[in-house]
Amino acid sequence: MTSPRPYHHGNLRQAVLDRAAVKLREKGAAELSLRELTGEIGVSHAAPRRYFPDRQALLDALAAEGFARLGARLREAASAADAPAGQIRSIANAYIGFTAAEPNLVELMFSHKHGAAGVAIAHSAVEAFAPILEVFQHAQAEDGSGAERASVIFLATFQGLAGLISCGVVRPDQVKDLIADAVARFTGPHAERSDESERSA
């Protein structure tokens, strides 16, 4: 039996996270084992403890990294269009695309428990969703008072849709039309009328 290979500790944390992300995608969070991961990347079982004292610490780090990846995807999507309507459409497609590609990661991200890492994960979630808020602030440049409310409703709409897609309630052939219908509620005449009614209320 070969002994674990020497490893450059500057990259060990990311190496464990990268391998864990692959396992998470393939098998789900329940199957993640630090002992198995360290064996696969060729280091001793104790080596990653300075970064991940236990399995929960690894799950928390994966959740935070998931939000970072999602945030980067949403910011890229927002920058792909100039007008707010196009940005909203682009972000919606990117959000559903991410959740469809990473269902196990998304489940972990939204099921983290309050605890030592709870504040950090919540902060990473706020940062991830910042592009959505910014787009709605831009869309309501004259009166941005409803931007935060609109961004939360948008997020709730598409996270709900993602969940229905993931559990099979929404069929693959329905996804495109449902995204278009949902986006229209935030970009079409109905959205404009809702804005006006809120201002006049």
N, C-alpha and C. Protein backbone atom coordinates (compact mmCIF):
# COMPACT_ATOMS: atom_id res chain seq x y z
N MET A 1 0.84 -1.19 0.00
CA MET A 1 0.00 0.00 0.00
C MET A 1 0.88 1.24 0.00
N THR A 2 0.63 2.16 -0.90
CA THR A 2 1.45 3.37 -0.99
C THR A 2 1.03 4.36 0.08
N SER A 3 2.02 5.11 0.59
CA SER A 3 1.73 6.13 1.59
C SER A 3 1.24 7.39 0.90
N PRO A 4 0.49 8.25 1.61
CA PRO A 4 0.00 9.49 1.01
C PRO A 4 1.12 10.34 0.44
N ARG A 5 0.88 10.93 -0.70
CA ARG A 5 1.89 11.76 -1.33
C ARG A 5 2.01 13.10 -0.60
N PRO A 6 3.20 13.69 -0.56
CA PRO A 6 3.34 15.02 0.01
C PRO A 6 2.45 15.99 -0.76
N TYR A 7 1.89 16.95 -0.05
CA TYR A 7 0.95 17.86 -0.70
C TYR A 7 1.27 19.29 -0.33
N HIS A 8 1.12 20.19 -1.27
CA HIS A 8 1.37 21.61 -1.01
C HIS A 8 0.15 22.19 -0.30
N HIS A 9 0.32 22.54 0.96
CA HIS A 9 -0.83 22.92 1.78
C HIS A 9 -1.47 24.21 1.33
N GLY A 10 -0.79 25.01 0.55
CA GLY A 10 -1.41 26.23 0.05
C GLY A 10 -2.60 25.94 -0.85
N ASN A 11 -2.62 24.76 -1.44
CA ASN A 11 -3.71 24.39 -2.35
C ASN A 11 -4.61 23.29 -1.79
N LEU A 12 -4.32 22.81 -0.59
CA LEU A 12 -5.05 21.67 -0.06
C LEU A 12 -6.53 21.98 0.15
N ARG A 13 -6.85 23.13 0.72
CA ARG A 13 -8.25 23.47 0.98
C ARG A 13 -9.06 23.43 -0.31
N GLN A 14 -8.54 24.06 -1.37
CA GLN A 14 -9.28 24.10 -2.63
C GLN A 14 -9.33 22.73 -3.28
N ALA A 15 -8.27 21.95 -3.12
CA ALA A 15 -8.27 20.60 -3.69
C ALA A 15 -9.37 19.75 -3.06
N VAL A 16 -9.53 19.86 -1.74
CA VAL A 16 -10.59 19.11 -1.05
C VAL A 16 -11.96 19.61 -1.51
N LEU A 17 -12.12 20.94 -1.60
CA LEU A 17 -13.40 21.50 -2.03
C LEU A 17 -13.73 21.07 -3.46
N ASP A 18 -12.74 21.08 -4.34
CA ASP A 18 -12.99 20.70 -5.73
C ASP A 18 -13.43 19.25 -5.84
N ARG A 19 -12.74 18.38 -5.09
CA ARG A 19 -13.10 16.96 -5.13
C ARG A 19 -14.46 16.74 -4.48
N ALA A 20 -14.73 17.47 -3.40
CA ALA A 20 -16.02 17.35 -2.72
C ALA A 20 -17.16 17.81 -3.62
N ALA A 21 -16.90 18.85 -4.42
CA ALA A 21 -17.93 19.36 -5.33
C ALA A 21 -18.30 18.31 -6.37
N VAL A 22 -17.31 17.57 -6.84
CA VAL A 22 -17.57 16.49 -7.81
C VAL A 22 -18.41 15.39 -7.16
N LYS A 23 -18.02 14.99 -5.95
CA LYS A 23 -18.76 13.96 -5.23
C LYS A 23 -20.19 14.41 -4.94
N LEU A 24 -20.33 15.68 -4.55
CA LEU A 24 -21.65 16.22 -4.26
C LEU A 24 -22.54 16.17 -5.49
N ARG A 25 -21.98 16.52 -6.63
CA ARG A 25 -22.74 16.51 -7.88
C ARG A 25 -23.16 15.09 -8.25
N GLU A 26 -22.29 14.13 -8.01
CA GLU A 26 -22.55 12.75 -8.41
C GLU A 26 -23.46 12.00 -7.44
N LYS A 27 -23.27 12.23 -6.13
CA LYS A 27 -23.92 11.37 -5.14
C LYS A 27 -24.77 12.09 -4.11
N GLY A 28 -24.61 13.42 -3.96
CA GLY A 28 -25.35 14.14 -2.94
C GLY A 28 -24.57 14.30 -1.65
N ALA A 29 -25.04 15.22 -0.79
CA ALA A 29 -24.32 15.56 0.42
C ALA A 29 -24.21 14.39 1.40
N ALA A 30 -25.22 13.52 1.42
CA ALA A 30 -25.23 12.41 2.38
C ALA A 30 -24.05 11.47 2.19
N GLU A 31 -23.50 11.43 0.98
CA GLU A 31 -22.42 10.50 0.69
C GLU A 31 -21.03 11.10 0.85
N LEU A 32 -20.97 12.36 1.25
CA LEU A 32 -19.66 13.01 1.38
C LEU A 32 -18.94 12.53 2.64
N SER A 33 -17.69 12.17 2.47
CA SER A 33 -16.87 11.70 3.58
C SER A 33 -15.48 12.33 3.47
N LEU A 34 -15.05 13.02 4.51
CA LEU A 34 -13.71 13.62 4.50
C LEU A 34 -12.63 12.55 4.37
N ARG A 35 -12.83 11.43 5.03
CA ARG A 35 -11.85 10.34 4.96
C ARG A 35 -11.70 9.83 3.52
N GLU A 36 -12.82 9.66 2.85
CA GLU A 36 -12.77 9.20 1.47
C GLU A 36 -12.12 10.24 0.56
N LEU A 37 -12.46 11.51 0.77
CA LEU A 37 -11.91 12.58 -0.07
C LEU A 37 -10.40 12.69 0.08
N THR A 38 -9.92 12.65 1.32
CA THR A 38 -8.47 12.76 1.51
C THR A 38 -7.74 11.58 0.90
N GLY A 39 -8.35 10.40 0.97
CA GLY A 39 -7.74 9.24 0.34
C GLY A 39 -7.65 9.39 -1.16
N GLU A 40 -8.68 9.98 -1.76
CA GLU A 40 -8.71 10.13 -3.21
C GLU A 40 -7.70 11.15 -3.72
N ILE A 41 -7.45 12.20 -2.92
CA ILE A 41 -6.48 13.21 -3.39
C ILE A 41 -5.07 12.91 -2.88
N GLY A 42 -4.93 11.83 -2.07
CA GLY A 42 -3.61 11.36 -1.69
C GLY A 42 -2.96 12.08 -0.53
N VAL A 43 -3.73 12.46 0.48
CA VAL A 43 -3.15 13.06 1.68
C VAL A 43 -3.65 12.31 2.90
N SER A 44 -3.02 12.53 4.03
CA SER A 44 -3.44 11.86 5.25
C SER A 44 -4.81 12.38 5.70
N HIS A 45 -5.50 11.58 6.48
CA HIS A 45 -6.84 11.96 6.94
C HIS A 45 -6.80 13.23 7.78
N ALA A 46 -5.68 13.45 8.48
CA ALA A 46 -5.58 14.61 9.36
C ALA A 46 -5.20 15.89 8.62
N ALA A 47 -4.71 15.77 7.41
CA ALA A 47 -4.17 16.93 6.70
C ALA A 47 -5.14 18.10 6.56
N PRO A 48 -6.42 17.87 6.21
CA PRO A 48 -7.31 19.02 5.98
C PRO A 48 -7.95 19.59 7.24
N ARG A 49 -7.60 19.07 8.43
CA ARG A 49 -8.31 19.48 9.64
C ARG A 49 -8.17 20.96 9.96
N ARG A 50 -7.09 21.56 9.54
CA ARG A 50 -6.91 22.99 9.80
C ARG A 50 -7.93 23.81 9.02
N TYR A 51 -8.45 23.26 7.92
CA TYR A 51 -9.45 23.93 7.10
C TYR A 51 -10.86 23.42 7.41
N PHE A 52 -10.97 22.11 7.62
CA PHE A 52 -12.27 21.48 7.84
C PHE A 52 -12.17 20.59 9.08
N PRO A 53 -12.43 21.15 10.25
CA PRO A 53 -12.32 20.35 11.48
C PRO A 53 -13.25 19.14 11.49
N ASP A 54 -14.37 19.25 10.78
CA ASP A 54 -15.30 18.13 10.70
C ASP A 54 -16.07 18.20 9.39
N ARG A 55 -16.93 17.22 9.19
CA ARG A 55 -17.69 17.13 7.94
C ARG A 55 -18.61 18.34 7.74
N GLN A 56 -19.21 18.83 8.83
CA GLN A 56 -20.10 19.98 8.71
C GLN A 56 -19.36 21.21 8.20
N ALA A 57 -18.13 21.38 8.64
CA ALA A 57 -17.33 22.51 8.17
C ALA A 57 -17.11 22.43 6.66
N LEU A 58 -16.94 21.21 6.15
CA LEU A 58 -16.80 21.02 4.71
C LEU A 58 -18.09 21.38 3.99
N LEU A 59 -19.22 20.93 4.53
CA LEU A 59 -20.52 21.24 3.92
C LEU A 59 -20.78 22.75 3.92
N ASP A 60 -20.43 23.41 5.02
CA ASP A 60 -20.62 24.86 5.10
C ASP A 60 -19.77 25.57 4.05
N ALA A 61 -18.53 25.11 3.88
CA ALA A 61 -17.64 25.72 2.90
C ALA A 61 -18.16 25.49 1.48
N LEU A 62 -18.71 24.31 1.22
CA LEU A 62 -19.28 24.03 -0.10
C LEU A 62 -20.48 24.93 -0.37
N ALA A 63 -21.31 25.15 0.66
CA ALA A 63 -22.48 26.03 0.50
C ALA A 63 -22.04 27.46 0.18
N ALA A 64 -21.06 27.95 0.93
CA ALA A 64 -20.56 29.31 0.70
C ALA A 64 -19.96 29.45 -0.70
N GLU A 65 -19.19 28.43 -1.10
CA GLU A 65 -18.59 28.47 -2.44
C GLU A 65 -19.67 28.37 -3.52
N GLY A 66 -20.73 27.62 -3.23
CA GLY A 66 -21.84 27.53 -4.18
C GLY A 66 -22.49 28.89 -4.41
N PHE A 67 -22.71 29.63 -3.34
CA PHE A 67 -23.28 30.97 -3.49
C PHE A 67 -22.33 31.89 -4.25
N ALA A 68 -21.03 31.74 -4.00
CA ALA A 68 -20.06 32.55 -4.74
C ALA A 68 -20.12 32.25 -6.24
N ARG A 69 -20.23 30.98 -6.58
CA ARG A 69 -20.32 30.59 -7.99
C ARG A 69 -21.61 31.10 -8.61
N LEU A 70 -22.72 30.98 -7.87
CA LEU A 70 -23.99 31.47 -8.38
C LEU A 70 -23.94 32.98 -8.58
N GLY A 71 -23.37 33.70 -7.63
CA GLY A 71 -23.26 35.15 -7.76
C GLY A 71 -22.47 35.56 -8.99
N ALA A 72 -21.37 34.85 -9.24
CA ALA A 72 -20.56 35.15 -10.43
C ALA A 72 -21.36 34.89 -11.70
N ARG A 73 -22.15 33.81 -11.69
CA ARG A 73 -22.97 33.49 -12.86
C ARG A 73 -24.04 34.57 -13.10
N LEU A 74 -24.67 35.03 -12.03
CA LEU A 74 -25.72 36.04 -12.17
C LEU A 74 -25.13 37.38 -12.60
N ARG A 75 -23.95 37.72 -12.08
CA ARG A 75 -23.34 39.00 -12.47
C ARG A 75 -22.94 38.96 -13.95
N GLU A 76 -22.43 37.82 -14.37
CA GLU A 76 -22.07 37.66 -15.79
C GLU A 76 -23.32 37.78 -16.66
N ALA A 77 -24.42 37.18 -16.21
CA ALA A 77 -25.67 37.23 -16.97
C ALA A 77 -26.19 38.66 -17.05
N ALA A 78 -26.10 39.40 -15.96
CA ALA A 78 -26.58 40.79 -15.95
C ALA A 78 -25.76 41.66 -16.90
N SER A 79 -24.47 41.38 -17.00
CA SER A 79 -23.61 42.18 -17.87
C SER A 79 -23.77 41.84 -19.35
N ALA A 80 -24.51 40.76 -19.64
CA ALA A 80 -24.69 40.33 -21.02
C ALA A 80 -25.76 41.13 -21.75
N ALA A 81 -26.49 41.97 -21.03
CA ALA A 81 -27.54 42.80 -21.65
C ALA A 81 -27.43 44.22 -21.12
N ASP A 82 -27.96 45.17 -21.89
CA ASP A 82 -27.87 46.57 -21.50
C ASP A 82 -29.13 47.05 -20.77
N ALA A 83 -30.28 46.78 -21.35
CA ALA A 83 -31.54 47.25 -20.77
C ALA A 83 -31.97 46.35 -19.62
N PRO A 84 -32.65 46.91 -18.61
CA PRO A 84 -33.10 46.10 -17.47
C PRO A 84 -33.92 44.88 -17.86
N ALA A 85 -34.82 45.01 -18.85
CA ALA A 85 -35.66 43.88 -19.24
C ALA A 85 -34.79 42.72 -19.74
N GLY A 86 -33.79 43.04 -20.53
CA GLY A 86 -32.88 42.01 -21.03
C GLY A 86 -32.04 41.41 -19.92
N GLN A 87 -31.63 42.23 -18.96
CA GLN A 87 -30.85 41.73 -17.83
C GLN A 87 -31.68 40.78 -16.97
N ILE A 88 -32.93 41.16 -16.73
CA ILE A 88 -33.81 40.31 -15.93
C ILE A 88 -34.01 38.95 -16.61
N ARG A 89 -34.21 38.99 -17.91
CA ARG A 89 -34.39 37.75 -18.68
C ARG A 89 -33.12 36.90 -18.62
N SER A 90 -31.98 37.54 -18.77
CA SER A 90 -30.70 36.83 -18.76
C SER A 90 -30.42 36.21 -17.39
N ILE A 91 -30.71 36.96 -16.33
CA ILE A 91 -30.50 36.46 -14.98
C ILE A 91 -31.43 35.28 -14.70
N ALA A 92 -32.68 35.38 -15.13
CA ALA A 92 -33.63 34.29 -14.91
C ALA A 92 -33.13 33.00 -15.56
N ASN A 93 -32.69 33.09 -16.80
CA ASN A 93 -32.19 31.90 -17.49
C ASN A 93 -30.94 31.35 -16.83
N ALA A 94 -30.05 32.26 -16.36
CA ALA A 94 -28.84 31.82 -15.69
C ALA A 94 -29.15 31.13 -14.37
N TYR A 95 -30.13 31.66 -13.65
CA TYR A 95 -30.50 31.08 -12.36
C TYR A 95 -31.05 29.66 -12.54
N ILE A 96 -31.98 29.51 -13.46
CA ILE A 96 -32.55 28.19 -13.71
C ILE A 96 -31.49 27.25 -14.28
N GLY A 97 -30.61 27.76 -15.11
CA GLY A 97 -29.53 26.94 -15.65
C GLY A 97 -28.61 26.42 -14.56
N PHE A 98 -28.27 27.28 -13.61
CA PHE A 98 -27.40 26.88 -12.50
C PHE A 98 -28.07 25.83 -11.64
N THR A 99 -29.32 26.07 -11.27
CA THR A 99 -30.01 25.12 -10.39
C THR A 99 -30.25 23.77 -11.07
N ALA A 100 -30.46 23.80 -12.39
CA ALA A 100 -30.66 22.55 -13.12
C ALA A 100 -29.36 21.75 -13.21
N ALA A 101 -28.24 22.45 -13.33
CA ALA A 101 -26.95 21.78 -13.47
C ALA A 101 -26.40 21.30 -12.13
N GLU A 102 -26.79 21.96 -11.03
CA GLU A 102 -26.22 21.66 -9.71
C GLU A 102 -27.32 21.45 -8.66
N PRO A 103 -28.25 20.51 -8.88
CA PRO A 103 -29.35 20.34 -7.92
C PRO A 103 -28.90 19.98 -6.51
N ASN A 104 -27.89 19.11 -6.40
CA ASN A 104 -27.42 18.71 -5.07
C ASN A 104 -26.74 19.87 -4.34
N LEU A 105 -25.99 20.67 -5.09
CA LEU A 105 -25.33 21.84 -4.50
C LEU A 105 -26.37 22.86 -4.05
N VAL A 106 -27.36 23.12 -4.88
CA VAL A 106 -28.39 24.10 -4.54
C VAL A 106 -29.17 23.64 -3.31
N GLU A 107 -29.46 22.36 -3.22
CA GLU A 107 -30.16 21.84 -2.04
C GLU A 107 -29.33 22.09 -0.78
N LEU A 108 -28.02 21.87 -0.87
CA LEU A 108 -27.14 22.12 0.26
C LEU A 108 -27.10 23.60 0.60
N MET A 109 -27.01 24.45 -0.40
CA MET A 109 -26.93 25.89 -0.19
C MET A 109 -28.13 26.43 0.58
N PHE A 110 -29.32 25.92 0.25
CA PHE A 110 -30.53 26.45 0.85
C PHE A 110 -30.99 25.67 2.08
N SER A 111 -30.18 24.72 2.53
CA SER A 111 -30.57 23.94 3.71
C SER A 111 -29.55 24.06 4.82
N HIS A 112 -28.62 25.02 4.72
CA HIS A 112 -27.61 25.15 5.76
C HIS A 112 -28.27 25.54 7.08
N LYS A 113 -27.69 25.03 8.17
CA LYS A 113 -28.23 25.28 9.50
C LYS A 113 -27.58 26.53 10.10
N HIS A 114 -28.31 27.18 10.99
CA HIS A 114 -27.72 28.29 11.72
C HIS A 114 -26.67 27.73 12.68
N GLY A 115 -25.55 28.38 12.74
CA GLY A 115 -24.47 27.90 13.60
C GLY A 115 -23.26 28.78 13.41
N ALA A 116 -22.10 28.21 13.67
CA ALA A 116 -20.87 28.98 13.60
C ALA A 116 -20.66 29.59 12.22
N ALA A 117 -21.02 28.84 11.18
CA ALA A 117 -20.81 29.32 9.81
C ALA A 117 -22.05 29.99 9.23
N GLY A 118 -23.13 30.04 9.99
CA GLY A 118 -24.38 30.56 9.46
C GLY A 118 -24.29 31.99 8.97
N VAL A 119 -23.61 32.83 9.72
CA VAL A 119 -23.48 34.24 9.34
C VAL A 119 -22.69 34.37 8.04
N ALA A 120 -21.61 33.62 7.92
CA ALA A 120 -20.78 33.68 6.72
C ALA A 120 -21.54 33.20 5.50
N ILE A 121 -22.31 32.12 5.66
CA ILE A 121 -23.08 31.60 4.54
C ILE A 121 -24.18 32.58 4.15
N ALA A 122 -24.85 33.17 5.14
CA ALA A 122 -25.88 34.16 4.85
C ALA A 122 -25.29 35.35 4.12
N HIS A 123 -24.10 35.77 4.51
CA HIS A 123 -23.44 36.89 3.82
C HIS A 123 -23.12 36.51 2.38
N SER A 124 -22.66 35.28 2.17
CA SER A 124 -22.34 34.85 0.80
C SER A 124 -23.60 34.79 -0.04
N ALA A 125 -24.75 34.45 0.58
CA ALA A 125 -26.01 34.42 -0.15
C ALA A 125 -26.43 35.82 -0.55
N VAL A 126 -26.31 36.78 0.37
CA VAL A 126 -26.66 38.17 0.06
C VAL A 126 -25.79 38.69 -1.09
N GLU A 127 -24.51 38.37 -1.04
CA GLU A 127 -23.60 38.79 -2.11
C GLU A 127 -23.99 38.15 -3.44
N ALA A 128 -24.39 36.89 -3.40
CA ALA A 128 -24.76 36.19 -4.63
C ALA A 128 -25.97 36.83 -5.29
N PHE A 129 -26.93 37.27 -4.48
CA PHE A 129 -28.17 37.82 -5.03
C PHE A 129 -28.09 39.32 -5.30
N ALA A 130 -26.96 39.94 -4.99
CA ALA A 130 -26.80 41.38 -5.20
C ALA A 130 -27.05 41.80 -6.66
N PRO A 131 -26.61 41.03 -7.67
CA PRO A 131 -26.89 41.44 -9.05
C PRO A 131 -28.38 41.57 -9.35
N ILE A 132 -29.21 40.74 -8.71
CA ILE A 132 -30.66 40.83 -8.92
C ILE A 132 -31.18 42.16 -8.39
N LEU A 133 -30.78 42.51 -7.17
CA LEU A 133 -31.20 43.78 -6.57
C LEU A 133 -30.73 44.95 -7.42
N GLU A 134 -29.49 44.89 -7.89
CA GLU A 134 -28.94 46.00 -8.68
C GLU A 134 -29.71 46.21 -9.98
N VAL A 135 -30.12 45.12 -10.61
CA VAL A 135 -30.89 45.22 -11.85
C VAL A 135 -32.24 45.90 -11.58
N PHE A 136 -32.90 45.51 -10.51
CA PHE A 136 -34.20 46.13 -10.20
C PHE A 136 -34.03 47.58 -9.74
N GLN A 137 -32.92 47.89 -9.10
CA GLN A 137 -32.65 49.29 -8.75
C GLN A 137 -32.47 50.11 -10.01
N HIS A 138 -31.79 49.54 -10.99
CA HIS A 138 -31.59 50.22 -12.26
C HIS A 138 -32.92 50.38 -13.00
N ALA A 139 -33.74 49.34 -12.94
CA ALA A 139 -35.03 49.37 -13.63
C ALA A 139 -35.96 50.41 -13.03
N GLN A 140 -35.80 50.69 -11.74
CA GLN A 140 -36.66 51.65 -11.04
C GLN A 140 -35.84 52.88 -10.64
N ALA A 141 -35.04 53.35 -11.59
CA ALA A 141 -34.10 54.43 -11.30
C ALA A 141 -34.78 55.67 -10.73
N GLU A 142 -35.98 55.99 -11.21
CA GLU A 142 -36.65 57.20 -10.73
C GLU A 142 -37.16 57.03 -9.31
N ASP A 143 -37.56 55.84 -8.95
CA ASP A 143 -38.07 55.56 -7.61
C ASP A 143 -37.72 54.13 -7.26
N GLY A 144 -36.56 53.94 -6.63
CA GLY A 144 -36.06 52.60 -6.34
C GLY A 144 -36.59 52.01 -5.06
N SER A 145 -37.62 52.61 -4.49
CA SER A 145 -38.12 52.15 -3.20
C SER A 145 -38.65 50.72 -3.25
N GLY A 146 -39.12 50.27 -4.41
CA GLY A 146 -39.67 48.92 -4.51
C GLY A 146 -38.68 47.90 -5.03
N ALA A 147 -37.43 48.30 -5.24
CA ALA A 147 -36.45 47.40 -5.85
C ALA A 147 -36.17 46.18 -4.99
N GLU A 148 -36.00 46.39 -3.70
CA GLU A 148 -35.69 45.25 -2.83
C GLU A 148 -36.85 44.26 -2.80
N ARG A 149 -38.07 44.80 -2.70
CA ARG A 149 -39.25 43.93 -2.69
C ARG A 149 -39.36 43.15 -4.00
N ALA A 150 -39.15 43.84 -5.11
CA ALA A 150 -39.24 43.18 -6.42
C ALA A 150 -38.17 42.11 -6.57
N SER A 151 -36.97 42.38 -6.08
CA SER A 151 -35.89 41.41 -6.22
C SER A 151 -36.16 40.16 -5.38
N VAL A 152 -36.76 40.33 -4.19
CA VAL A 152 -37.08 39.18 -3.34
C VAL A 152 -38.18 38.34 -3.99
N ILE A 153 -39.19 39.01 -4.55
CA ILE A 153 -40.28 38.29 -5.22
C ILE A 153 -39.73 37.54 -6.43
N PHE A 154 -38.85 38.19 -7.18
CA PHE A 154 -38.20 37.55 -8.33
C PHE A 154 -37.45 36.29 -7.89
N LEU A 155 -36.64 36.43 -6.83
CA LEU A 155 -35.86 35.30 -6.33
C LEU A 155 -36.77 34.18 -5.86
N ALA A 156 -37.82 34.53 -5.13
CA ALA A 156 -38.75 33.51 -4.64
C ALA A 156 -39.43 32.79 -5.80
N THR A 157 -39.78 33.54 -6.84
CA THR A 157 -40.43 32.96 -8.01
C THR A 157 -39.53 31.93 -8.68
N PHE A 158 -38.29 32.31 -8.91
CA PHE A 158 -37.40 31.42 -9.66
C PHE A 158 -36.80 30.31 -8.81
N GLN A 159 -36.65 30.53 -7.50
CA GLN A 159 -36.23 29.44 -6.64
C GLN A 159 -37.36 28.41 -6.52
N GLY A 160 -38.60 28.92 -6.46
CA GLY A 160 -39.74 28.00 -6.45
C GLY A 160 -39.86 27.21 -7.73
N LEU A 161 -39.65 27.87 -8.86
CA LEU A 161 -39.69 27.18 -10.15
C LEU A 161 -38.57 26.14 -10.22
N ALA A 162 -37.39 26.51 -9.73
CA ALA A 162 -36.27 25.57 -9.74
C ALA A 162 -36.60 24.32 -8.92
N GLY A 163 -37.25 24.52 -7.78
CA GLY A 163 -37.63 23.38 -6.95
C GLY A 163 -38.63 22.47 -7.65
N LEU A 164 -39.59 23.07 -8.35
CA LEU A 164 -40.58 22.27 -9.07
C LEU A 164 -39.96 21.51 -10.23
N ILE A 165 -38.97 22.13 -10.86
CA ILE A 165 -38.26 21.43 -11.94
C ILE A 165 -37.46 20.26 -11.36
N SER A 166 -36.78 20.52 -10.25
CA SER A 166 -35.93 19.50 -9.64
C SER A 166 -36.71 18.28 -9.19
N CYS A 167 -37.92 18.48 -8.64
CA CYS A 167 -38.67 17.34 -8.13
C CYS A 167 -39.58 16.71 -9.20
N GLY A 168 -39.55 17.25 -10.42
CA GLY A 168 -40.27 16.64 -11.52
C GLY A 168 -41.69 17.10 -11.73
N VAL A 169 -42.16 18.06 -10.92
CA VAL A 169 -43.51 18.59 -11.13
C VAL A 169 -43.59 19.33 -12.46
N VAL A 170 -42.55 20.07 -12.78
CA VAL A 170 -42.45 20.76 -14.07
C VAL A 170 -41.63 19.90 -15.02
N ARG A 171 -42.20 19.56 -16.16
CA ARG A 171 -41.50 18.74 -17.15
C ARG A 171 -40.47 19.58 -17.91
N PRO A 172 -39.42 18.96 -18.43
CA PRO A 172 -38.41 19.69 -19.18
C PRO A 172 -38.98 20.50 -20.34
N ASP A 173 -40.01 19.98 -21.02
CA ASP A 173 -40.56 20.69 -22.17
C ASP A 173 -41.39 21.91 -21.76
N GLN A 174 -41.65 22.07 -20.46
CA GLN A 174 -42.42 23.21 -19.99
C GLN A 174 -41.54 24.37 -19.51
N VAL A 175 -40.26 24.08 -19.29
CA VAL A 175 -39.39 25.04 -18.61
C VAL A 175 -39.26 26.36 -19.37
N LYS A 176 -38.97 26.28 -20.66
CA LYS A 176 -38.73 27.49 -21.44
C LYS A 176 -39.92 28.45 -21.39
N ASP A 177 -41.13 27.92 -21.59
CA ASP A 177 -42.33 28.77 -21.59
C ASP A 177 -42.62 29.33 -20.20
N LEU A 178 -42.38 28.54 -19.17
CA LEU A 178 -42.62 29.02 -17.81
C LEU A 178 -41.65 30.13 -17.42
N ILE A 179 -40.40 30.00 -17.84
CA ILE A 179 -39.43 31.08 -17.58
C ILE A 179 -39.89 32.35 -18.27
N ALA A 180 -40.31 32.23 -19.54
CA ALA A 180 -40.75 33.40 -20.30
C ALA A 180 -41.96 34.06 -19.64
N ASP A 181 -42.92 33.25 -19.20
CA ASP A 181 -44.11 33.78 -18.54
C ASP A 181 -43.75 34.50 -17.25
N ALA A 182 -42.86 33.89 -16.46
CA ALA A 182 -42.46 34.49 -15.19
C ALA A 182 -41.70 35.79 -15.41
N VAL A 183 -40.79 35.79 -16.38
CA VAL A 183 -40.03 37.01 -16.68
C VAL A 183 -40.96 38.14 -17.11
N ALA A 184 -41.98 37.80 -17.89
CA ALA A 184 -42.92 38.81 -18.38
C ALA A 184 -43.61 39.54 -17.23
N ARG A 185 -43.79 38.88 -16.12
CA ARG A 185 -44.44 39.50 -14.96
C ARG A 185 -43.56 40.56 -14.33
N PHE A 186 -42.27 40.52 -14.63
CA PHE A 186 -41.34 41.51 -14.08
C PHE A 186 -40.91 42.54 -15.11
N THR A 187 -41.19 42.28 -16.39
CA THR A 187 -40.71 43.18 -17.43
C THR A 187 -41.80 43.75 -18.32
N GLY A 188 -42.99 43.13 -18.35
CA GLY A 188 -44.04 43.53 -19.28
C GLY A 188 -44.95 44.61 -18.73
N PRO A 189 -46.02 44.92 -19.45
CA PRO A 189 -46.98 45.95 -19.04
C PRO A 189 -47.57 45.70 -17.66
N HIS A 190 -47.73 44.42 -17.31
CA HIS A 190 -48.29 44.10 -16.00
C HIS A 190 -47.37 44.63 -14.89
N ALA A 191 -46.06 44.47 -15.10
CA ALA A 191 -45.10 44.94 -14.11
C ALA A 191 -45.14 46.45 -14.00
N GLU A 192 -45.27 47.12 -15.15
CA GLU A 192 -45.32 48.58 -15.15
C GLU A 192 -46.56 49.08 -14.42
N ARG A 193 -47.70 48.41 -14.66
CA ARG A 193 -48.94 48.82 -14.00
C ARG A 193 -48.84 48.61 -12.50
N SER A 194 -48.17 47.51 -12.09
CA SER A 194 -48.02 47.25 -10.68
C SER A 194 -47.18 48.32 -10.00
N ASP A 195 -46.11 48.75 -10.70
CA ASP A 195 -45.27 49.81 -10.19
C ASP A 195 -46.05 51.09 -9.98
N GLU A 196 -46.83 51.44 -11.00
CA GLU A 196 -47.59 52.67 -10.95
C GLU A 196 -48.62 52.64 -9.84
N SER A 197 -49.30 51.49 -9.67
CA SER A 197 -50.31 51.38 -8.63
C SER A 197 -49.69 51.47 -7.26
N GLU A 198 -48.46 50.94 -7.10
CA GLU A 198 -47.79 51.03 -5.81
C GLU A 198 -47.42 52.48 -5.49
N ARG A 199 -46.99 53.23 -6.54
CA ARG A 199 -46.61 54.61 -6.29
C ARG A 199 -47.80 55.48 -5.93
N SER A 200 -48.96 55.15 -6.53
CA SER A 200 -50.14 55.97 -6.30
C SER A 200 -50.88 55.58 -5.03
N ALA A 201 -50.53 54.42 -4.47
CA ALA A 201 -51.23 53.93 -3.27
C ALA A 201 -50.86 54.77 -2.04
